[in-house]
Amino acid sequence: MTQNAEPHAIQGAPSYIELGVEDADRARAFYGALFGWRMNGAAGPGQASTGGLNIGIHDHDPSSLLEVFFTVNDLDSAIAKVAALGGRIVGDIHAESAEFGRWVECDDDQGVRFGLRQPAG
């Protein structure tokens, strides 16, 4: 895999995400439908074009997992779409904070944990 340096990349900023799943085609269908990701190739392992993200570090998490939060414009609509695609919501929907917005943790249709975040405002 060749990675080109990005002209505005900041040291420590994520530049690539690996999503390890049992079935790549199911993952393509789920995330493509949920977020409108553009996939390279027609099927199987590959790459998806997505936006950028920040990483938060916290402790005392009993799960010990790497979890990516994806920005959505309407959290309630995205939650409904997760369920319609065979995923599920994990835990409570967290109320809007001035710094982070509203967010919820989810599992996709294969049990992979991720989060949805509607920015404040």
PDB file of N, CA and C in Angstrom:
ATOM      1  N   MET A   1       0.853  -1.164   0.000  1.00  0.00           N
ATOM      2  CA  MET A   1       0.000   0.000   0.000  1.00  0.00           C
ATOM      3  C   MET A   1       0.902   1.231   0.000  1.00  0.00           C
ATOM      4  N   THR A   2       0.643   2.149  -0.890  1.00  0.00           N
ATOM      5  CA  THR A   2       1.377   3.395  -0.956  1.00  0.00           C
ATOM      6  C   THR A   2       0.552   4.503  -0.340  1.00  0.00           C
ATOM      7  N   GLN A   3       1.182   5.271   0.551  1.00  0.00           N
ATOM      8  CA  GLN A   3       0.495   6.401   1.137  1.00  0.00           C
ATOM      9  C   GLN A   3       1.280   7.660   0.823  1.00  0.00           C
ATOM     10  N   ASN A   4       0.616   8.648   0.278  1.00  0.00           N
ATOM     11  CA  ASN A   4       1.245   9.919  -0.032  1.00  0.00           C
ATOM     12  C   ASN A   4       1.108  10.861   1.143  1.00  0.00           C
ATOM     13  N   ALA A   5       2.127  11.674   1.392  1.00  0.00           N
ATOM     14  CA  ALA A   5       2.034  12.665   2.457  1.00  0.00           C
ATOM     15  C   ALA A   5       1.014  13.719   2.061  1.00  0.00           C
ATOM     16  N   GLU A   6       0.171  14.094   3.004  1.00  0.00           N
ATOM     17  CA  GLU A   6      -0.821  15.128   2.748  1.00  0.00           C
ATOM     18  C   GLU A   6      -0.205  16.467   3.098  1.00  0.00           C
ATOM     19  N   PRO A   7      -0.393  17.495   2.259  1.00  0.00           N
ATOM     20  CA  PRO A   7       0.267  18.773   2.483  1.00  0.00           C
ATOM     21  C   PRO A   7      -0.121  19.451   3.790  1.00  0.00           C
ATOM     22  N   HIS A   8      -1.335  19.195   4.321  1.00  0.00           N
ATOM     23  CA  HIS A   8      -1.772  19.864   5.541  1.00  0.00           C
ATOM     24  C   HIS A   8      -1.878  18.895   6.717  1.00  0.00           C
ATOM     25  N   ALA A   9      -1.255  17.714   6.598  1.00  0.00           N
ATOM     26  CA  ALA A   9      -1.329  16.732   7.671  1.00  0.00           C
ATOM     27  C   ALA A   9      -0.593  17.240   8.901  1.00  0.00           C
ATOM     28  N   ILE A  10      -1.169  16.991  10.061  1.00  0.00           N
ATOM     29  CA  ILE A  10      -0.582  17.389  11.330  1.00  0.00           C
ATOM     30  C   ILE A  10      -0.028  16.143  12.006  1.00  0.00           C
ATOM     31  N   GLN A  11       1.126  16.224  12.601  1.00  0.00           N
ATOM     32  CA  GLN A  11       1.732  15.103  13.307  1.00  0.00           C
ATOM     33  C   GLN A  11       0.733  14.503  14.301  1.00  0.00           C
ATOM     34  N   GLY A  12       0.490  13.227  14.223  1.00  0.00           N
ATOM     35  CA  GLY A  12      -0.419  12.539  15.124  1.00  0.00           C
ATOM     36  C   GLY A  12      -1.855  12.482  14.663  1.00  0.00           C
ATOM     37  N   ALA A  13      -2.212  13.211  13.611  1.00  0.00           N
ATOM     38  CA  ALA A  13      -3.584  13.172  13.093  1.00  0.00           C
ATOM     39  C   ALA A  13      -3.797  11.868  12.334  1.00  0.00           C
ATOM     40  N   PRO A  14      -4.908  11.181  12.554  1.00  0.00           N
ATOM     41  CA  PRO A  14      -5.165   9.945  11.816  1.00  0.00           C
ATOM     42  C   PRO A  14      -5.215  10.204  10.313  1.00  0.00           C
ATOM     43  N   SER A  15      -4.679   9.277   9.555  1.00  0.00           N
ATOM     44  CA  SER A  15      -4.723   9.419   8.104  1.00  0.00           C
ATOM     45  C   SER A  15      -5.329   8.191   7.424  1.00  0.00           C
ATOM     46  N   TYR A  16      -5.610   7.152   8.203  1.00  0.00           N
ATOM     47  CA  TYR A  16      -6.143   5.920   7.618  1.00  0.00           C
ATOM     48  C   TYR A  16      -6.862   5.144   8.707  1.00  0.00           C
ATOM     49  N   ILE A  17      -7.927   4.485   8.362  1.00  0.00           N
ATOM     50  CA  ILE A  17      -8.682   3.666   9.305  1.00  0.00           C
ATOM     51  C   ILE A  17      -8.783   2.262   8.729  1.00  0.00           C
ATOM     52  N   GLU A  18      -8.508   1.273   9.567  1.00  0.00           N
ATOM     53  CA  GLU A  18      -8.713  -0.116   9.167  1.00  0.00           C
ATOM     54  C   GLU A  18     -10.004  -0.619   9.792  1.00  0.00           C
ATOM     55  N   LEU A  19     -10.865  -1.185   9.024  1.00  0.00           N
ATOM     56  CA  LEU A  19     -12.089  -1.792   9.500  1.00  0.00           C
ATOM     57  C   LEU A  19     -11.995  -3.285   9.226  1.00  0.00           C
ATOM     58  N   GLY A  20     -11.735  -4.069  10.276  1.00  0.00           N
ATOM     59  CA  GLY A  20     -11.616  -5.515  10.129  1.00  0.00           C
ATOM     60  C   GLY A  20     -12.957  -6.175  10.397  1.00  0.00           C
ATOM     61  N   VAL A  21     -13.501  -6.849   9.418  1.00  0.00           N
ATOM     62  CA  VAL A  21     -14.823  -7.486   9.552  1.00  0.00           C
ATOM     63  C   VAL A  21     -14.771  -8.911   8.999  1.00  0.00           C
ATOM     64  N   GLU A  22     -15.797  -9.681   9.282  1.00  0.00           N
ATOM     65  CA  GLU A  22     -15.911 -11.039   8.758  1.00  0.00           C
ATOM     66  C   GLU A  22     -16.230 -11.025   7.255  1.00  0.00           C
ATOM     67  N   ASP A  23     -17.059 -10.073   6.801  1.00  0.00           N
ATOM     68  CA  ASP A  23     -17.547 -10.053   5.425  1.00  0.00           C
ATOM     69  C   ASP A  23     -17.417  -8.639   4.853  1.00  0.00           C
ATOM     70  N   ALA A  24     -16.422  -8.433   3.986  1.00  0.00           N
ATOM     71  CA  ALA A  24     -16.151  -7.103   3.422  1.00  0.00           C
ATOM     72  C   ALA A  24     -17.326  -6.574   2.599  1.00  0.00           C
ATOM     73  N   ASP A  25     -18.008  -7.443   1.885  1.00  0.00           N
ATOM     74  CA  ASP A  25     -19.135  -6.980   1.063  1.00  0.00           C
ATOM     75  C   ASP A  25     -20.282  -6.468   1.932  1.00  0.00           C
ATOM     76  N   ARG A  26     -20.552  -7.143   3.051  1.00  0.00           N
ATOM     77  CA  ARG A  26     -21.583  -6.654   3.981  1.00  0.00           C
ATOM     78  C   ARG A  26     -21.173  -5.301   4.562  1.00  0.00           C
ATOM     79  N   ALA A  27     -19.911  -5.136   4.897  1.00  0.00           N
ATOM     80  CA  ALA A  27     -19.432  -3.855   5.424  1.00  0.00           C
ATOM     81  C   ALA A  27     -19.574  -2.756   4.370  1.00  0.00           C
ATOM     82  N   ARG A  28     -19.242  -3.069   3.122  1.00  0.00           N
ATOM     83  CA  ARG A  28     -19.419  -2.097   2.033  1.00  0.00           C
ATOM     84  C   ARG A  28     -20.875  -1.666   1.935  1.00  0.00           C
ATOM     85  N   ALA A  29     -21.791  -2.633   1.995  1.00  0.00           N
ATOM     86  CA  ALA A  29     -23.217  -2.320   1.869  1.00  0.00           C
ATOM     87  C   ALA A  29     -23.706  -1.489   3.054  1.00  0.00           C
ATOM     88  N   PHE A  30     -23.327  -1.871   4.274  1.00  0.00           N
ATOM     89  CA  PHE A  30     -23.797  -1.176   5.473  1.00  0.00           C
ATOM     90  C   PHE A  30     -23.292   0.270   5.502  1.00  0.00           C
ATOM     91  N   TYR A  31     -21.976   0.479   5.419  1.00  0.00           N
ATOM     92  CA  TYR A  31     -21.417   1.831   5.535  1.00  0.00           C
ATOM     93  C   TYR A  31     -21.677   2.668   4.280  1.00  0.00           C
ATOM     94  N   GLY A  32     -21.729   2.031   3.130  1.00  0.00           N
ATOM     95  CA  GLY A  32     -22.081   2.763   1.917  1.00  0.00           C
ATOM     96  C   GLY A  32     -23.488   3.326   2.007  1.00  0.00           C
ATOM     97  N   ALA A  33     -24.424   2.518   2.504  1.00  0.00           N
ATOM     98  CA  ALA A  33     -25.811   2.969   2.645  1.00  0.00           C
ATOM     99  C   ALA A  33     -25.962   3.987   3.771  1.00  0.00           C
ATOM    100  N   LEU A  34     -25.248   3.787   4.887  1.00  0.00           N
ATOM    101  CA  LEU A  34     -25.381   4.683   6.023  1.00  0.00           C
ATOM    102  C   LEU A  34     -24.776   6.055   5.758  1.00  0.00           C
ATOM    103  N   PHE A  35     -23.572   6.099   5.203  1.00  0.00           N
ATOM    104  CA  PHE A  35     -22.852   7.365   5.051  1.00  0.00           C
ATOM    105  C   PHE A  35     -22.656   7.823   3.605  1.00  0.00           C
ATOM    106  N   GLY A  36     -22.993   6.999   2.635  1.00  0.00           N
ATOM    107  CA  GLY A  36     -22.765   7.373   1.242  1.00  0.00           C
ATOM    108  C   GLY A  36     -21.294   7.290   0.846  1.00  0.00           C
ATOM    109  N   TRP A  37     -20.522   6.459   1.544  1.00  0.00           N
ATOM    110  CA  TRP A  37     -19.108   6.317   1.205  1.00  0.00           C
ATOM    111  C   TRP A  37     -18.945   5.816  -0.218  1.00  0.00           C
ATOM    112  N   ARG A  38     -17.951   6.356  -0.910  1.00  0.00           N
ATOM    113  CA  ARG A  38     -17.578   5.886  -2.243  1.00  0.00           C
ATOM    114  C   ARG A  38     -16.509   4.809  -2.076  1.00  0.00           C
ATOM    115  N   MET A  39     -16.765   3.631  -2.617  1.00  0.00           N
ATOM    116  CA  MET A  39     -15.860   2.490  -2.484  1.00  0.00           C
ATOM    117  C   MET A  39     -15.057   2.298  -3.760  1.00  0.00           C
ATOM    118  N   ASN A  40     -13.791   1.880  -3.617  1.00  0.00           N
ATOM    119  CA  ASN A  40     -13.036   1.529  -4.812  1.00  0.00           C
ATOM    120  C   ASN A  40     -13.289   0.062  -5.122  1.00  0.00           C
ATOM    121  N   GLY A  41     -13.262  -0.286  -6.373  1.00  0.00           N
ATOM    122  CA  GLY A  41     -13.545  -1.662  -6.762  1.00  0.00           C
ATOM    123  C   GLY A  41     -15.021  -2.004  -6.588  1.00  0.00           C
ATOM    124  N   ALA A  42     -15.400  -3.168  -7.092  1.00  0.00           N
ATOM    125  CA  ALA A  42     -16.805  -3.566  -7.068  1.00  0.00           C
ATOM    126  C   ALA A  42     -17.178  -4.393  -5.845  1.00  0.00           C
ATOM    127  N   ALA A  43     -16.211  -5.116  -5.272  1.00  0.00           N
ATOM    128  CA  ALA A  43     -16.532  -6.009  -4.161  1.00  0.00           C
ATOM    129  C   ALA A  43     -15.268  -6.371  -3.391  1.00  0.00           C
ATOM    130  N   GLY A  44     -15.474  -7.017  -2.250  1.00  0.00           N
ATOM    131  CA  GLY A  44     -14.361  -7.524  -1.451  1.00  0.00           C
ATOM    132  C   GLY A  44     -13.577  -6.424  -0.750  1.00  0.00           C
ATOM    133  N   PRO A  45     -12.404  -6.778  -0.224  1.00  0.00           N
ATOM    134  CA  PRO A  45     -11.572  -5.797   0.469  1.00  0.00           C
ATOM    135  C   PRO A  45     -11.225  -4.620  -0.437  1.00  0.00           C
ATOM    136  N   GLY A  46     -11.079  -3.454   0.150  1.00  0.00           N
ATOM    137  CA  GLY A  46     -10.732  -2.256  -0.609  1.00  0.00           C
ATOM    138  C   GLY A  46     -10.689  -1.050   0.300  1.00  0.00           C
ATOM    139  N   GLN A  47     -10.946   0.101  -0.260  1.00  0.00           N
ATOM    140  CA  GLN A  47     -10.916   1.333   0.495  1.00  0.00           C
ATOM    141  C   GLN A  47     -12.186   2.139   0.256  1.00  0.00           C
ATOM    142  N   ALA A  48     -12.517   2.970   1.256  1.00  0.00           N
ATOM    143  CA  ALA A  48     -13.658   3.867   1.165  1.00  0.00           C
ATOM    144  C   ALA A  48     -13.178   5.293   1.355  1.00  0.00           C
ATOM    145  N   SER A  49     -13.737   6.225   0.597  1.00  0.00           N
ATOM    146  CA  SER A  49     -13.422   7.643   0.755  1.00  0.00           C
ATOM    147  C   SER A  49     -14.307   8.218   1.852  1.00  0.00           C
ATOM    148  N   THR A  50     -13.675   8.777   2.903  1.00  0.00           N
ATOM    149  CA  THR A  50     -14.393   9.346   4.039  1.00  0.00           C
ATOM    150  C   THR A  50     -13.810  10.710   4.370  1.00  0.00           C
ATOM    151  N   GLY A  51     -14.332  11.365   5.419  1.00  0.00           N
ATOM    152  CA  GLY A  51     -13.808  12.641   5.880  1.00  0.00           C
ATOM    153  C   GLY A  51     -12.780  12.460   6.986  1.00  0.00           C
ATOM    154  N   GLY A  52     -12.363  13.559   7.596  1.00  0.00           N
ATOM    155  CA  GLY A  52     -11.379  13.531   8.674  1.00  0.00           C
ATOM    156  C   GLY A  52     -12.035  13.343  10.029  1.00  0.00           C
ATOM    157  N   LEU A  53     -11.240  13.126  11.077  1.00  0.00           N
ATOM    158  CA  LEU A  53     -11.767  12.926  12.410  1.00  0.00           C
ATOM    159  C   LEU A  53     -10.759  13.320  13.481  1.00  0.00           C
ATOM    160  N   ASN A  54     -11.227  13.534  14.701  1.00  0.00           N
ATOM    161  CA  ASN A  54     -10.381  13.751  15.870  1.00  0.00           C
ATOM    162  C   ASN A  54     -10.412  12.496  16.719  1.00  0.00           C
ATOM    163  N   ILE A  55      -9.426  12.315  17.590  1.00  0.00           N
ATOM    164  CA  ILE A  55      -9.380  11.163  18.484  1.00  0.00           C
ATOM    165  C   ILE A  55      -9.416  11.653  19.915  1.00  0.00           C
ATOM    166  N   GLY A  56     -10.308  11.092  20.715  1.00  0.00           N
ATOM    167  CA  GLY A  56     -10.361  11.378  22.148  1.00  0.00           C
ATOM    168  C   GLY A  56      -9.799  10.194  22.911  1.00  0.00           C
ATOM    169  N   ILE A  57      -9.060  10.471  23.983  1.00  0.00           N
ATOM    170  CA  ILE A  57      -8.491   9.405  24.809  1.00  0.00           C
ATOM    171  C   ILE A  57      -9.166   9.466  26.169  1.00  0.00           C
ATOM    172  N   HIS A  58      -9.664   8.327  26.672  1.00  0.00           N
ATOM    173  CA  HIS A  58     -10.282   8.268  27.989  1.00  0.00           C
ATOM    174  C   HIS A  58      -9.864   6.974  28.676  1.00  0.00           C
ATOM    175  N   ASP A  59     -10.091   6.901  29.957  1.00  0.00           N
ATOM    176  CA  ASP A  59      -9.719   5.690  30.680  1.00  0.00           C
ATOM    177  C   ASP A  59     -10.923   5.092  31.391  1.00  0.00           C
ATOM    178  N   HIS A  60     -10.708   3.975  32.062  1.00  0.00           N
ATOM    179  CA  HIS A  60     -11.746   3.237  32.786  1.00  0.00           C
ATOM    180  C   HIS A  60     -12.858   2.731  31.860  1.00  0.00           C
ATOM    181  N   ASP A  61     -12.510   2.425  30.615  1.00  0.00           N
ATOM    182  CA  ASP A  61     -13.476   1.859  29.674  1.00  0.00           C
ATOM    183  C   ASP A  61     -13.355   0.343  29.742  1.00  0.00           C
ATOM    184  N   PRO A  62     -14.396  -0.357  30.156  1.00  0.00           N
ATOM    185  CA  PRO A  62     -14.305  -1.815  30.287  1.00  0.00           C
ATOM    186  C   PRO A  62     -14.165  -2.550  28.953  1.00  0.00           C
ATOM    187  N   SER A  63     -14.423  -1.889  27.837  1.00  0.00           N
ATOM    188  CA  SER A  63     -14.391  -2.554  26.535  1.00  0.00           C
ATOM    189  C   SER A  63     -13.000  -2.652  25.934  1.00  0.00           C
ATOM    190  N   SER A  64     -12.120  -1.699  26.172  1.00  0.00           N
ATOM    191  CA  SER A  64     -10.783  -1.657  25.567  1.00  0.00           C
ATOM    192  C   SER A  64     -10.857  -1.885  24.061  1.00  0.00           C
ATOM    193  N   LEU A  65     -11.365  -0.887  23.336  1.00  0.00           N
ATOM    194  CA  LEU A  65     -11.506  -1.015  21.892  1.00  0.00           C
ATOM    195  C   LEU A  65     -11.133   0.289  21.195  1.00  0.00           C
ATOM    196  N   LEU A  66     -10.822   0.176  19.932  1.00  0.00           N
ATOM    197  CA  LEU A  66     -10.614   1.343  19.089  1.00  0.00           C
ATOM    198  C   LEU A  66     -11.953   1.635  18.446  1.00  0.00           C
ATOM    199  N   GLU A  67     -12.438   2.827  18.642  1.00  0.00           N
ATOM    200  CA  GLU A  67     -13.770   3.168  18.152  1.00  0.00           C
ATOM    201  C   GLU A  67     -13.703   4.489  17.392  1.00  0.00           C
ATOM    202  N   VAL A  68     -14.238   4.505  16.232  1.00  0.00           N
ATOM    203  CA  VAL A  68     -14.267   5.702  15.412  1.00  0.00           C
ATOM    204  C   VAL A  68     -15.653   6.324  15.491  1.00  0.00           C
ATOM    205  N   PHE A  69     -15.700   7.641  15.719  1.00  0.00           N
ATOM    206  CA  PHE A  69     -16.971   8.363  15.674  1.00  0.00           C
ATOM    207  C   PHE A  69     -17.087   9.031  14.312  1.00  0.00           C
ATOM    208  N   PHE A  70     -18.271   8.891  13.707  1.00  0.00           N
ATOM    209  CA  PHE A  70     -18.536   9.465  12.403  1.00  0.00           C
ATOM    210  C   PHE A  70     -19.526  10.606  12.549  1.00  0.00           C
ATOM    211  N   THR A  71     -19.245  11.725  11.920  1.00  0.00           N
ATOM    212  CA  THR A  71     -20.120  12.893  11.969  1.00  0.00           C
ATOM    213  C   THR A  71     -21.376  12.635  11.141  1.00  0.00           C
ATOM    214  N   VAL A  72     -22.520  13.012  11.705  1.00  0.00           N
ATOM    215  CA  VAL A  72     -23.793  12.961  10.986  1.00  0.00           C
ATOM    216  C   VAL A  72     -24.490  14.303  11.172  1.00  0.00           C
ATOM    217  N   ASN A  73     -25.295  14.697  10.206  1.00  0.00           N
ATOM    218  CA  ASN A  73     -26.031  15.960  10.301  1.00  0.00           C
ATOM    219  C   ASN A  73     -27.264  15.852  11.180  1.00  0.00           C
ATOM    220  N   ASP A  74     -27.856  14.659  11.246  1.00  0.00           N
ATOM    221  CA  ASP A  74     -29.082  14.432  12.010  1.00  0.00           C
ATOM    222  C   ASP A  74     -28.941  13.099  12.747  1.00  0.00           C
ATOM    223  N   LEU A  75     -28.615  13.162  14.026  1.00  0.00           N
ATOM    224  CA  LEU A  75     -28.361  11.952  14.804  1.00  0.00           C
ATOM    225  C   LEU A  75     -29.574  11.028  14.840  1.00  0.00           C
ATOM    226  N   ASP A  76     -30.753  11.578  15.028  1.00  0.00           N
ATOM    227  CA  ASP A  76     -31.955  10.746  15.116  1.00  0.00           C
ATOM    228  C   ASP A  76     -32.204   9.973  13.823  1.00  0.00           C
ATOM    229  N   SER A  77     -32.017  10.609  12.683  1.00  0.00           N
ATOM    230  CA  SER A  77     -32.193   9.921  11.396  1.00  0.00           C
ATOM    231  C   SER A  77     -31.132   8.845  11.195  1.00  0.00           C
ATOM    232  N   ALA A  78     -29.903   9.145  11.594  1.00  0.00           N
ATOM    233  CA  ALA A  78     -28.828   8.164  11.449  1.00  0.00           C
ATOM    234  C   ALA A  78     -29.072   6.949  12.337  1.00  0.00           C
ATOM    235  N   ILE A  79     -29.581   7.167  13.552  1.00  0.00           N
ATOM    236  CA  ILE A  79     -29.903   6.064  14.461  1.00  0.00           C
ATOM    237  C   ILE A  79     -30.959   5.158  13.834  1.00  0.00           C
ATOM    238  N   ALA A  80     -31.971   5.753  13.245  1.00  0.00           N
ATOM    239  CA  ALA A  80     -33.014   4.969  12.584  1.00  0.00           C
ATOM    240  C   ALA A  80     -32.430   4.163  11.423  1.00  0.00           C
ATOM    241  N   LYS A  81     -31.499   4.748  10.693  1.00  0.00           N
ATOM    242  CA  LYS A  81     -30.903   4.060   9.547  1.00  0.00           C
ATOM    243  C   LYS A  81     -30.011   2.908  10.006  1.00  0.00           C
ATOM    244  N   VAL A  82     -29.292   3.099  11.124  1.00  0.00           N
ATOM    245  CA  VAL A  82     -28.481   2.014  11.675  1.00  0.00           C
ATOM    246  C   VAL A  82     -29.372   0.795  11.944  1.00  0.00           C
ATOM    247  N   ALA A  83     -30.498   1.017  12.622  1.00  0.00           N
ATOM    248  CA  ALA A  83     -31.425  -0.075  12.938  1.00  0.00           C
ATOM    249  C   ALA A  83     -31.978  -0.714  11.666  1.00  0.00           C
ATOM    250  N   ALA A  84     -32.340   0.106  10.687  1.00  0.00           N
ATOM    251  CA  ALA A  84     -32.900  -0.411   9.438  1.00  0.00           C
ATOM    252  C   ALA A  84     -31.889  -1.270   8.672  1.00  0.00           C
ATOM    253  N   LEU A  85     -30.612  -0.993   8.862  1.00  0.00           N
ATOM    254  CA  LEU A  85     -29.559  -1.738   8.169  1.00  0.00           C
ATOM    255  C   LEU A  85     -29.085  -2.948   8.966  1.00  0.00           C
ATOM    256  N   GLY A  86     -29.712  -3.210  10.116  1.00  0.00           N
ATOM    257  CA  GLY A  86     -29.357  -4.388  10.900  1.00  0.00           C
ATOM    258  C   GLY A  86     -28.376  -4.133  12.021  1.00  0.00           C
ATOM    259  N   GLY A  87     -28.007  -2.870  12.248  1.00  0.00           N
ATOM    260  CA  GLY A  87     -27.127  -2.529  13.362  1.00  0.00           C
ATOM    261  C   GLY A  87     -27.941  -2.278  14.616  1.00  0.00           C
ATOM    262  N   ARG A  88     -27.266  -1.851  15.693  1.00  0.00           N
ATOM    263  CA  ARG A  88     -27.978  -1.550  16.928  1.00  0.00           C
ATOM    264  C   ARG A  88     -27.277  -0.429  17.690  1.00  0.00           C
ATOM    265  N   ILE A  89     -28.051   0.228  18.533  1.00  0.00           N
ATOM    266  CA  ILE A  89     -27.536   1.286  19.393  1.00  0.00           C
ATOM    267  C   ILE A  89     -27.062   0.631  20.687  1.00  0.00           C
ATOM    268  N   VAL A  90     -25.909   1.059  21.186  1.00  0.00           N
ATOM    269  CA  VAL A  90     -25.326   0.524  22.406  1.00  0.00           C
ATOM    270  C   VAL A  90     -25.301   1.649  23.437  1.00  0.00           C
ATOM    271  N   GLY A  91     -26.089   1.537  24.474  1.00  0.00           N
ATOM    272  CA  GLY A  91     -26.093   2.552  25.521  1.00  0.00           C
ATOM    273  C   GLY A  91     -27.020   3.706  25.207  1.00  0.00           C
ATOM    274  N   ASP A  92     -26.798   4.781  25.934  1.00  0.00           N
ATOM    275  CA  ASP A  92     -27.655   5.962  25.855  1.00  0.00           C
ATOM    276  C   ASP A  92     -27.208   6.940  24.785  1.00  0.00           C
ATOM    277  N   ILE A  93     -28.157   7.744  24.324  1.00  0.00           N
ATOM    278  CA  ILE A  93     -27.834   8.888  23.471  1.00  0.00           C
ATOM    279  C   ILE A  93     -27.391   9.991  24.428  1.00  0.00           C
ATOM    280  N   HIS A  94     -26.219  10.531  24.188  1.00  0.00           N
ATOM    281  CA  HIS A  94     -25.659  11.544  25.081  1.00  0.00           C
ATOM    282  C   HIS A  94     -26.083  12.934  24.612  1.00  0.00           C
ATOM    283  N   ALA A  95     -26.564  13.727  25.566  1.00  0.00           N
ATOM    284  CA  ALA A  95     -27.106  15.056  25.268  1.00  0.00           C
ATOM    285  C   ALA A  95     -26.030  15.976  24.702  1.00  0.00           C
ATOM    286  N   GLU A  96     -26.500  16.999  24.015  1.00  0.00           N
ATOM    287  CA  GLU A  96     -25.590  17.953  23.384  1.00  0.00           C
ATOM    288  C   GLU A  96     -24.736  18.663  24.421  1.00  0.00           C
ATOM    289  N   SER A  97     -23.452  18.728  24.139  1.00  0.00           N
ATOM    290  CA  SER A  97     -22.538  19.555  24.919  1.00  0.00           C
ATOM    291  C   SER A  97     -21.999  20.619  23.972  1.00  0.00           C
ATOM    292  N   ALA A  98     -21.641  21.756  24.526  1.00  0.00           N
ATOM    293  CA  ALA A  98     -21.165  22.867  23.695  1.00  0.00           C
ATOM    294  C   ALA A  98     -19.917  22.496  22.906  1.00  0.00           C
ATOM    295  N   GLU A  99     -19.120  21.570  23.415  1.00  0.00           N
ATOM    296  CA  GLU A  99     -17.859  21.221  22.762  1.00  0.00           C
ATOM    297  C   GLU A  99     -17.962  20.043  21.792  1.00  0.00           C
ATOM    298  N   PHE A 100     -18.843  19.078  22.103  1.00  0.00           N
ATOM    299  CA  PHE A 100     -18.841  17.841  21.322  1.00  0.00           C
ATOM    300  C   PHE A 100     -20.132  17.574  20.572  1.00  0.00           C
ATOM    301  N   GLY A 101     -21.244  18.107  21.010  1.00  0.00           N
ATOM    302  CA  GLY A 101     -22.523  17.833  20.360  1.00  0.00           C
ATOM    303  C   GLY A 101     -23.217  16.639  20.984  1.00  0.00           C
ATOM    304  N   ARG A 102     -24.097  15.979  20.209  1.00  0.00           N
ATOM    305  CA  ARG A 102     -24.805  14.765  20.655  1.00  0.00           C
ATOM    306  C   ARG A 102     -24.122  13.554  20.051  1.00  0.00           C
ATOM    307  N   TRP A 103     -24.109  12.444  20.811  1.00  0.00           N
ATOM    308  CA  TRP A 103     -23.455  11.252  20.289  1.00  0.00           C
ATOM    309  C   TRP A 103     -24.027   9.986  20.892  1.00  0.00           C
ATOM    310  N   VAL A 104     -23.775   8.883  20.188  1.00  0.00           N
ATOM    311  CA  VAL A 104     -24.220   7.564  20.625  1.00  0.00           C
ATOM    312  C   VAL A 104     -23.249   6.522  20.080  1.00  0.00           C
ATOM    313  N   GLU A 105     -23.119   5.443  20.826  1.00  0.00           N
ATOM    314  CA  GLU A 105     -22.311   4.322  20.367  1.00  0.00           C
ATOM    315  C   GLU A 105     -23.230   3.300  19.697  1.00  0.00           C
ATOM    316  N   CYS A 106     -22.706   2.628  18.668  1.00  0.00           N
ATOM    317  CA  CYS A 106     -23.488   1.668  17.883  1.00  0.00           C
ATOM    318  C   CYS A 106     -22.646   0.434  17.597  1.00  0.00           C
ATOM    319  N   ASP A 107     -23.319  -0.635  17.190  1.00  0.00           N
ATOM    320  CA  ASP A 107     -22.680  -1.796  16.576  1.00  0.00           C
ATOM    321  C   ASP A 107     -23.250  -1.905  15.169  1.00  0.00           C
ATOM    322  N   ASP A 108     -22.400  -2.236  14.195  1.00  0.00           N
ATOM    323  CA  ASP A 108     -22.921  -2.461  12.851  1.00  0.00           C
ATOM    324  C   ASP A 108     -23.579  -3.837  12.776  1.00  0.00           C
ATOM    325  N   ASP A 109     -23.938  -4.276  11.592  1.00  0.00           N
ATOM    326  CA  ASP A 109     -24.648  -5.547  11.434  1.00  0.00           C
ATOM    327  C   ASP A 109     -23.761  -6.770  11.623  1.00  0.00           C
ATOM    328  N   GLN A 110     -22.458  -6.549  11.899  1.00  0.00           N
ATOM    329  CA  GLN A 110     -21.536  -7.650  12.196  1.00  0.00           C
ATOM    330  C   GLN A 110     -20.956  -7.529  13.606  1.00  0.00           C
ATOM    331  N   GLY A 111     -21.461  -6.571  14.380  1.00  0.00           N
ATOM    332  CA  GLY A 111     -21.004  -6.408  15.756  1.00  0.00           C
ATOM    333  C   GLY A 111     -19.798  -5.505  15.935  1.00  0.00           C
ATOM    334  N   VAL A 112     -19.394  -4.782  14.889  1.00  0.00           N
ATOM    335  CA  VAL A 112     -18.266  -3.861  14.993  1.00  0.00           C
ATOM    336  C   VAL A 112     -18.750  -2.564  15.639  1.00  0.00           C
ATOM    337  N   ARG A 113     -18.090  -2.119  16.691  1.00  0.00           N
ATOM    338  CA  ARG A 113     -18.468  -0.920  17.432  1.00  0.00           C
ATOM    339  C   ARG A 113     -17.999   0.344  16.700  1.00  0.00           C
ATOM    340  N   PHE A 114     -18.860   1.340  16.660  1.00  0.00           N
ATOM    341  CA  PHE A 114     -18.541   2.659  16.131  1.00  0.00           C
ATOM    342  C   PHE A 114     -19.457   3.666  16.802  1.00  0.00           C
ATOM    343  N   GLY A 115     -19.196   4.947  16.615  1.00  0.00           N
ATOM    344  CA  GLY A 115     -20.029   5.970  17.201  1.00  0.00           C
ATOM    345  C   GLY A 115     -20.560   6.918  16.141  1.00  0.00           C
ATOM    346  N   LEU A 116     -21.696   7.535  16.451  1.00  0.00           N
ATOM    347  CA  LEU A 116     -22.270   8.593  15.617  1.00  0.00           C
ATOM    348  C   LEU A 116     -22.223   9.878  16.426  1.00  0.00           C
ATOM    349  N   ARG A 117     -21.868  10.981  15.787  1.00  0.00           N
ATOM    350  CA  ARG A 117     -21.767  12.263  16.467  1.00  0.00           C
ATOM    351  C   ARG A 117     -22.371  13.365  15.623  1.00  0.00           C
ATOM    352  N   GLN A 118     -23.313  14.071  16.202  1.00  0.00           N
ATOM    353  CA  GLN A 118     -23.866  15.272  15.568  1.00  0.00           C
ATOM    354  C   GLN A 118     -23.203  16.452  16.270  1.00  0.00           C
ATOM    355  N   PRO A 119     -22.357  17.217  15.563  1.00  0.00           N
ATOM    356  CA  PRO A 119     -21.644  18.327  16.199  1.00  0.00           C
ATOM    357  C   PRO A 119     -22.598  19.348  16.801  1.00  0.00           C
ATOM    358  N   ALA A 120     -22.111  20.057  17.802  1.00  0.00           N
ATOM    359  CA  ALA A 120     -22.894  21.094  18.470  1.00  0.00           C
ATOM    360  C   ALA A 120     -23.314  22.160  17.478  1.00  0.00           C
ATOM    361  N   GLY A 121     -24.481  22.783  17.765  1.00  0.00           N
ATOM    362  CA  GLY A 121     -24.929  23.863  16.905  1.00  0.00           C
ATOM    363  C   GLY A 121     -26.037  23.414  16.039  1.00  0.00           C
TER     364      GLY A 121
END
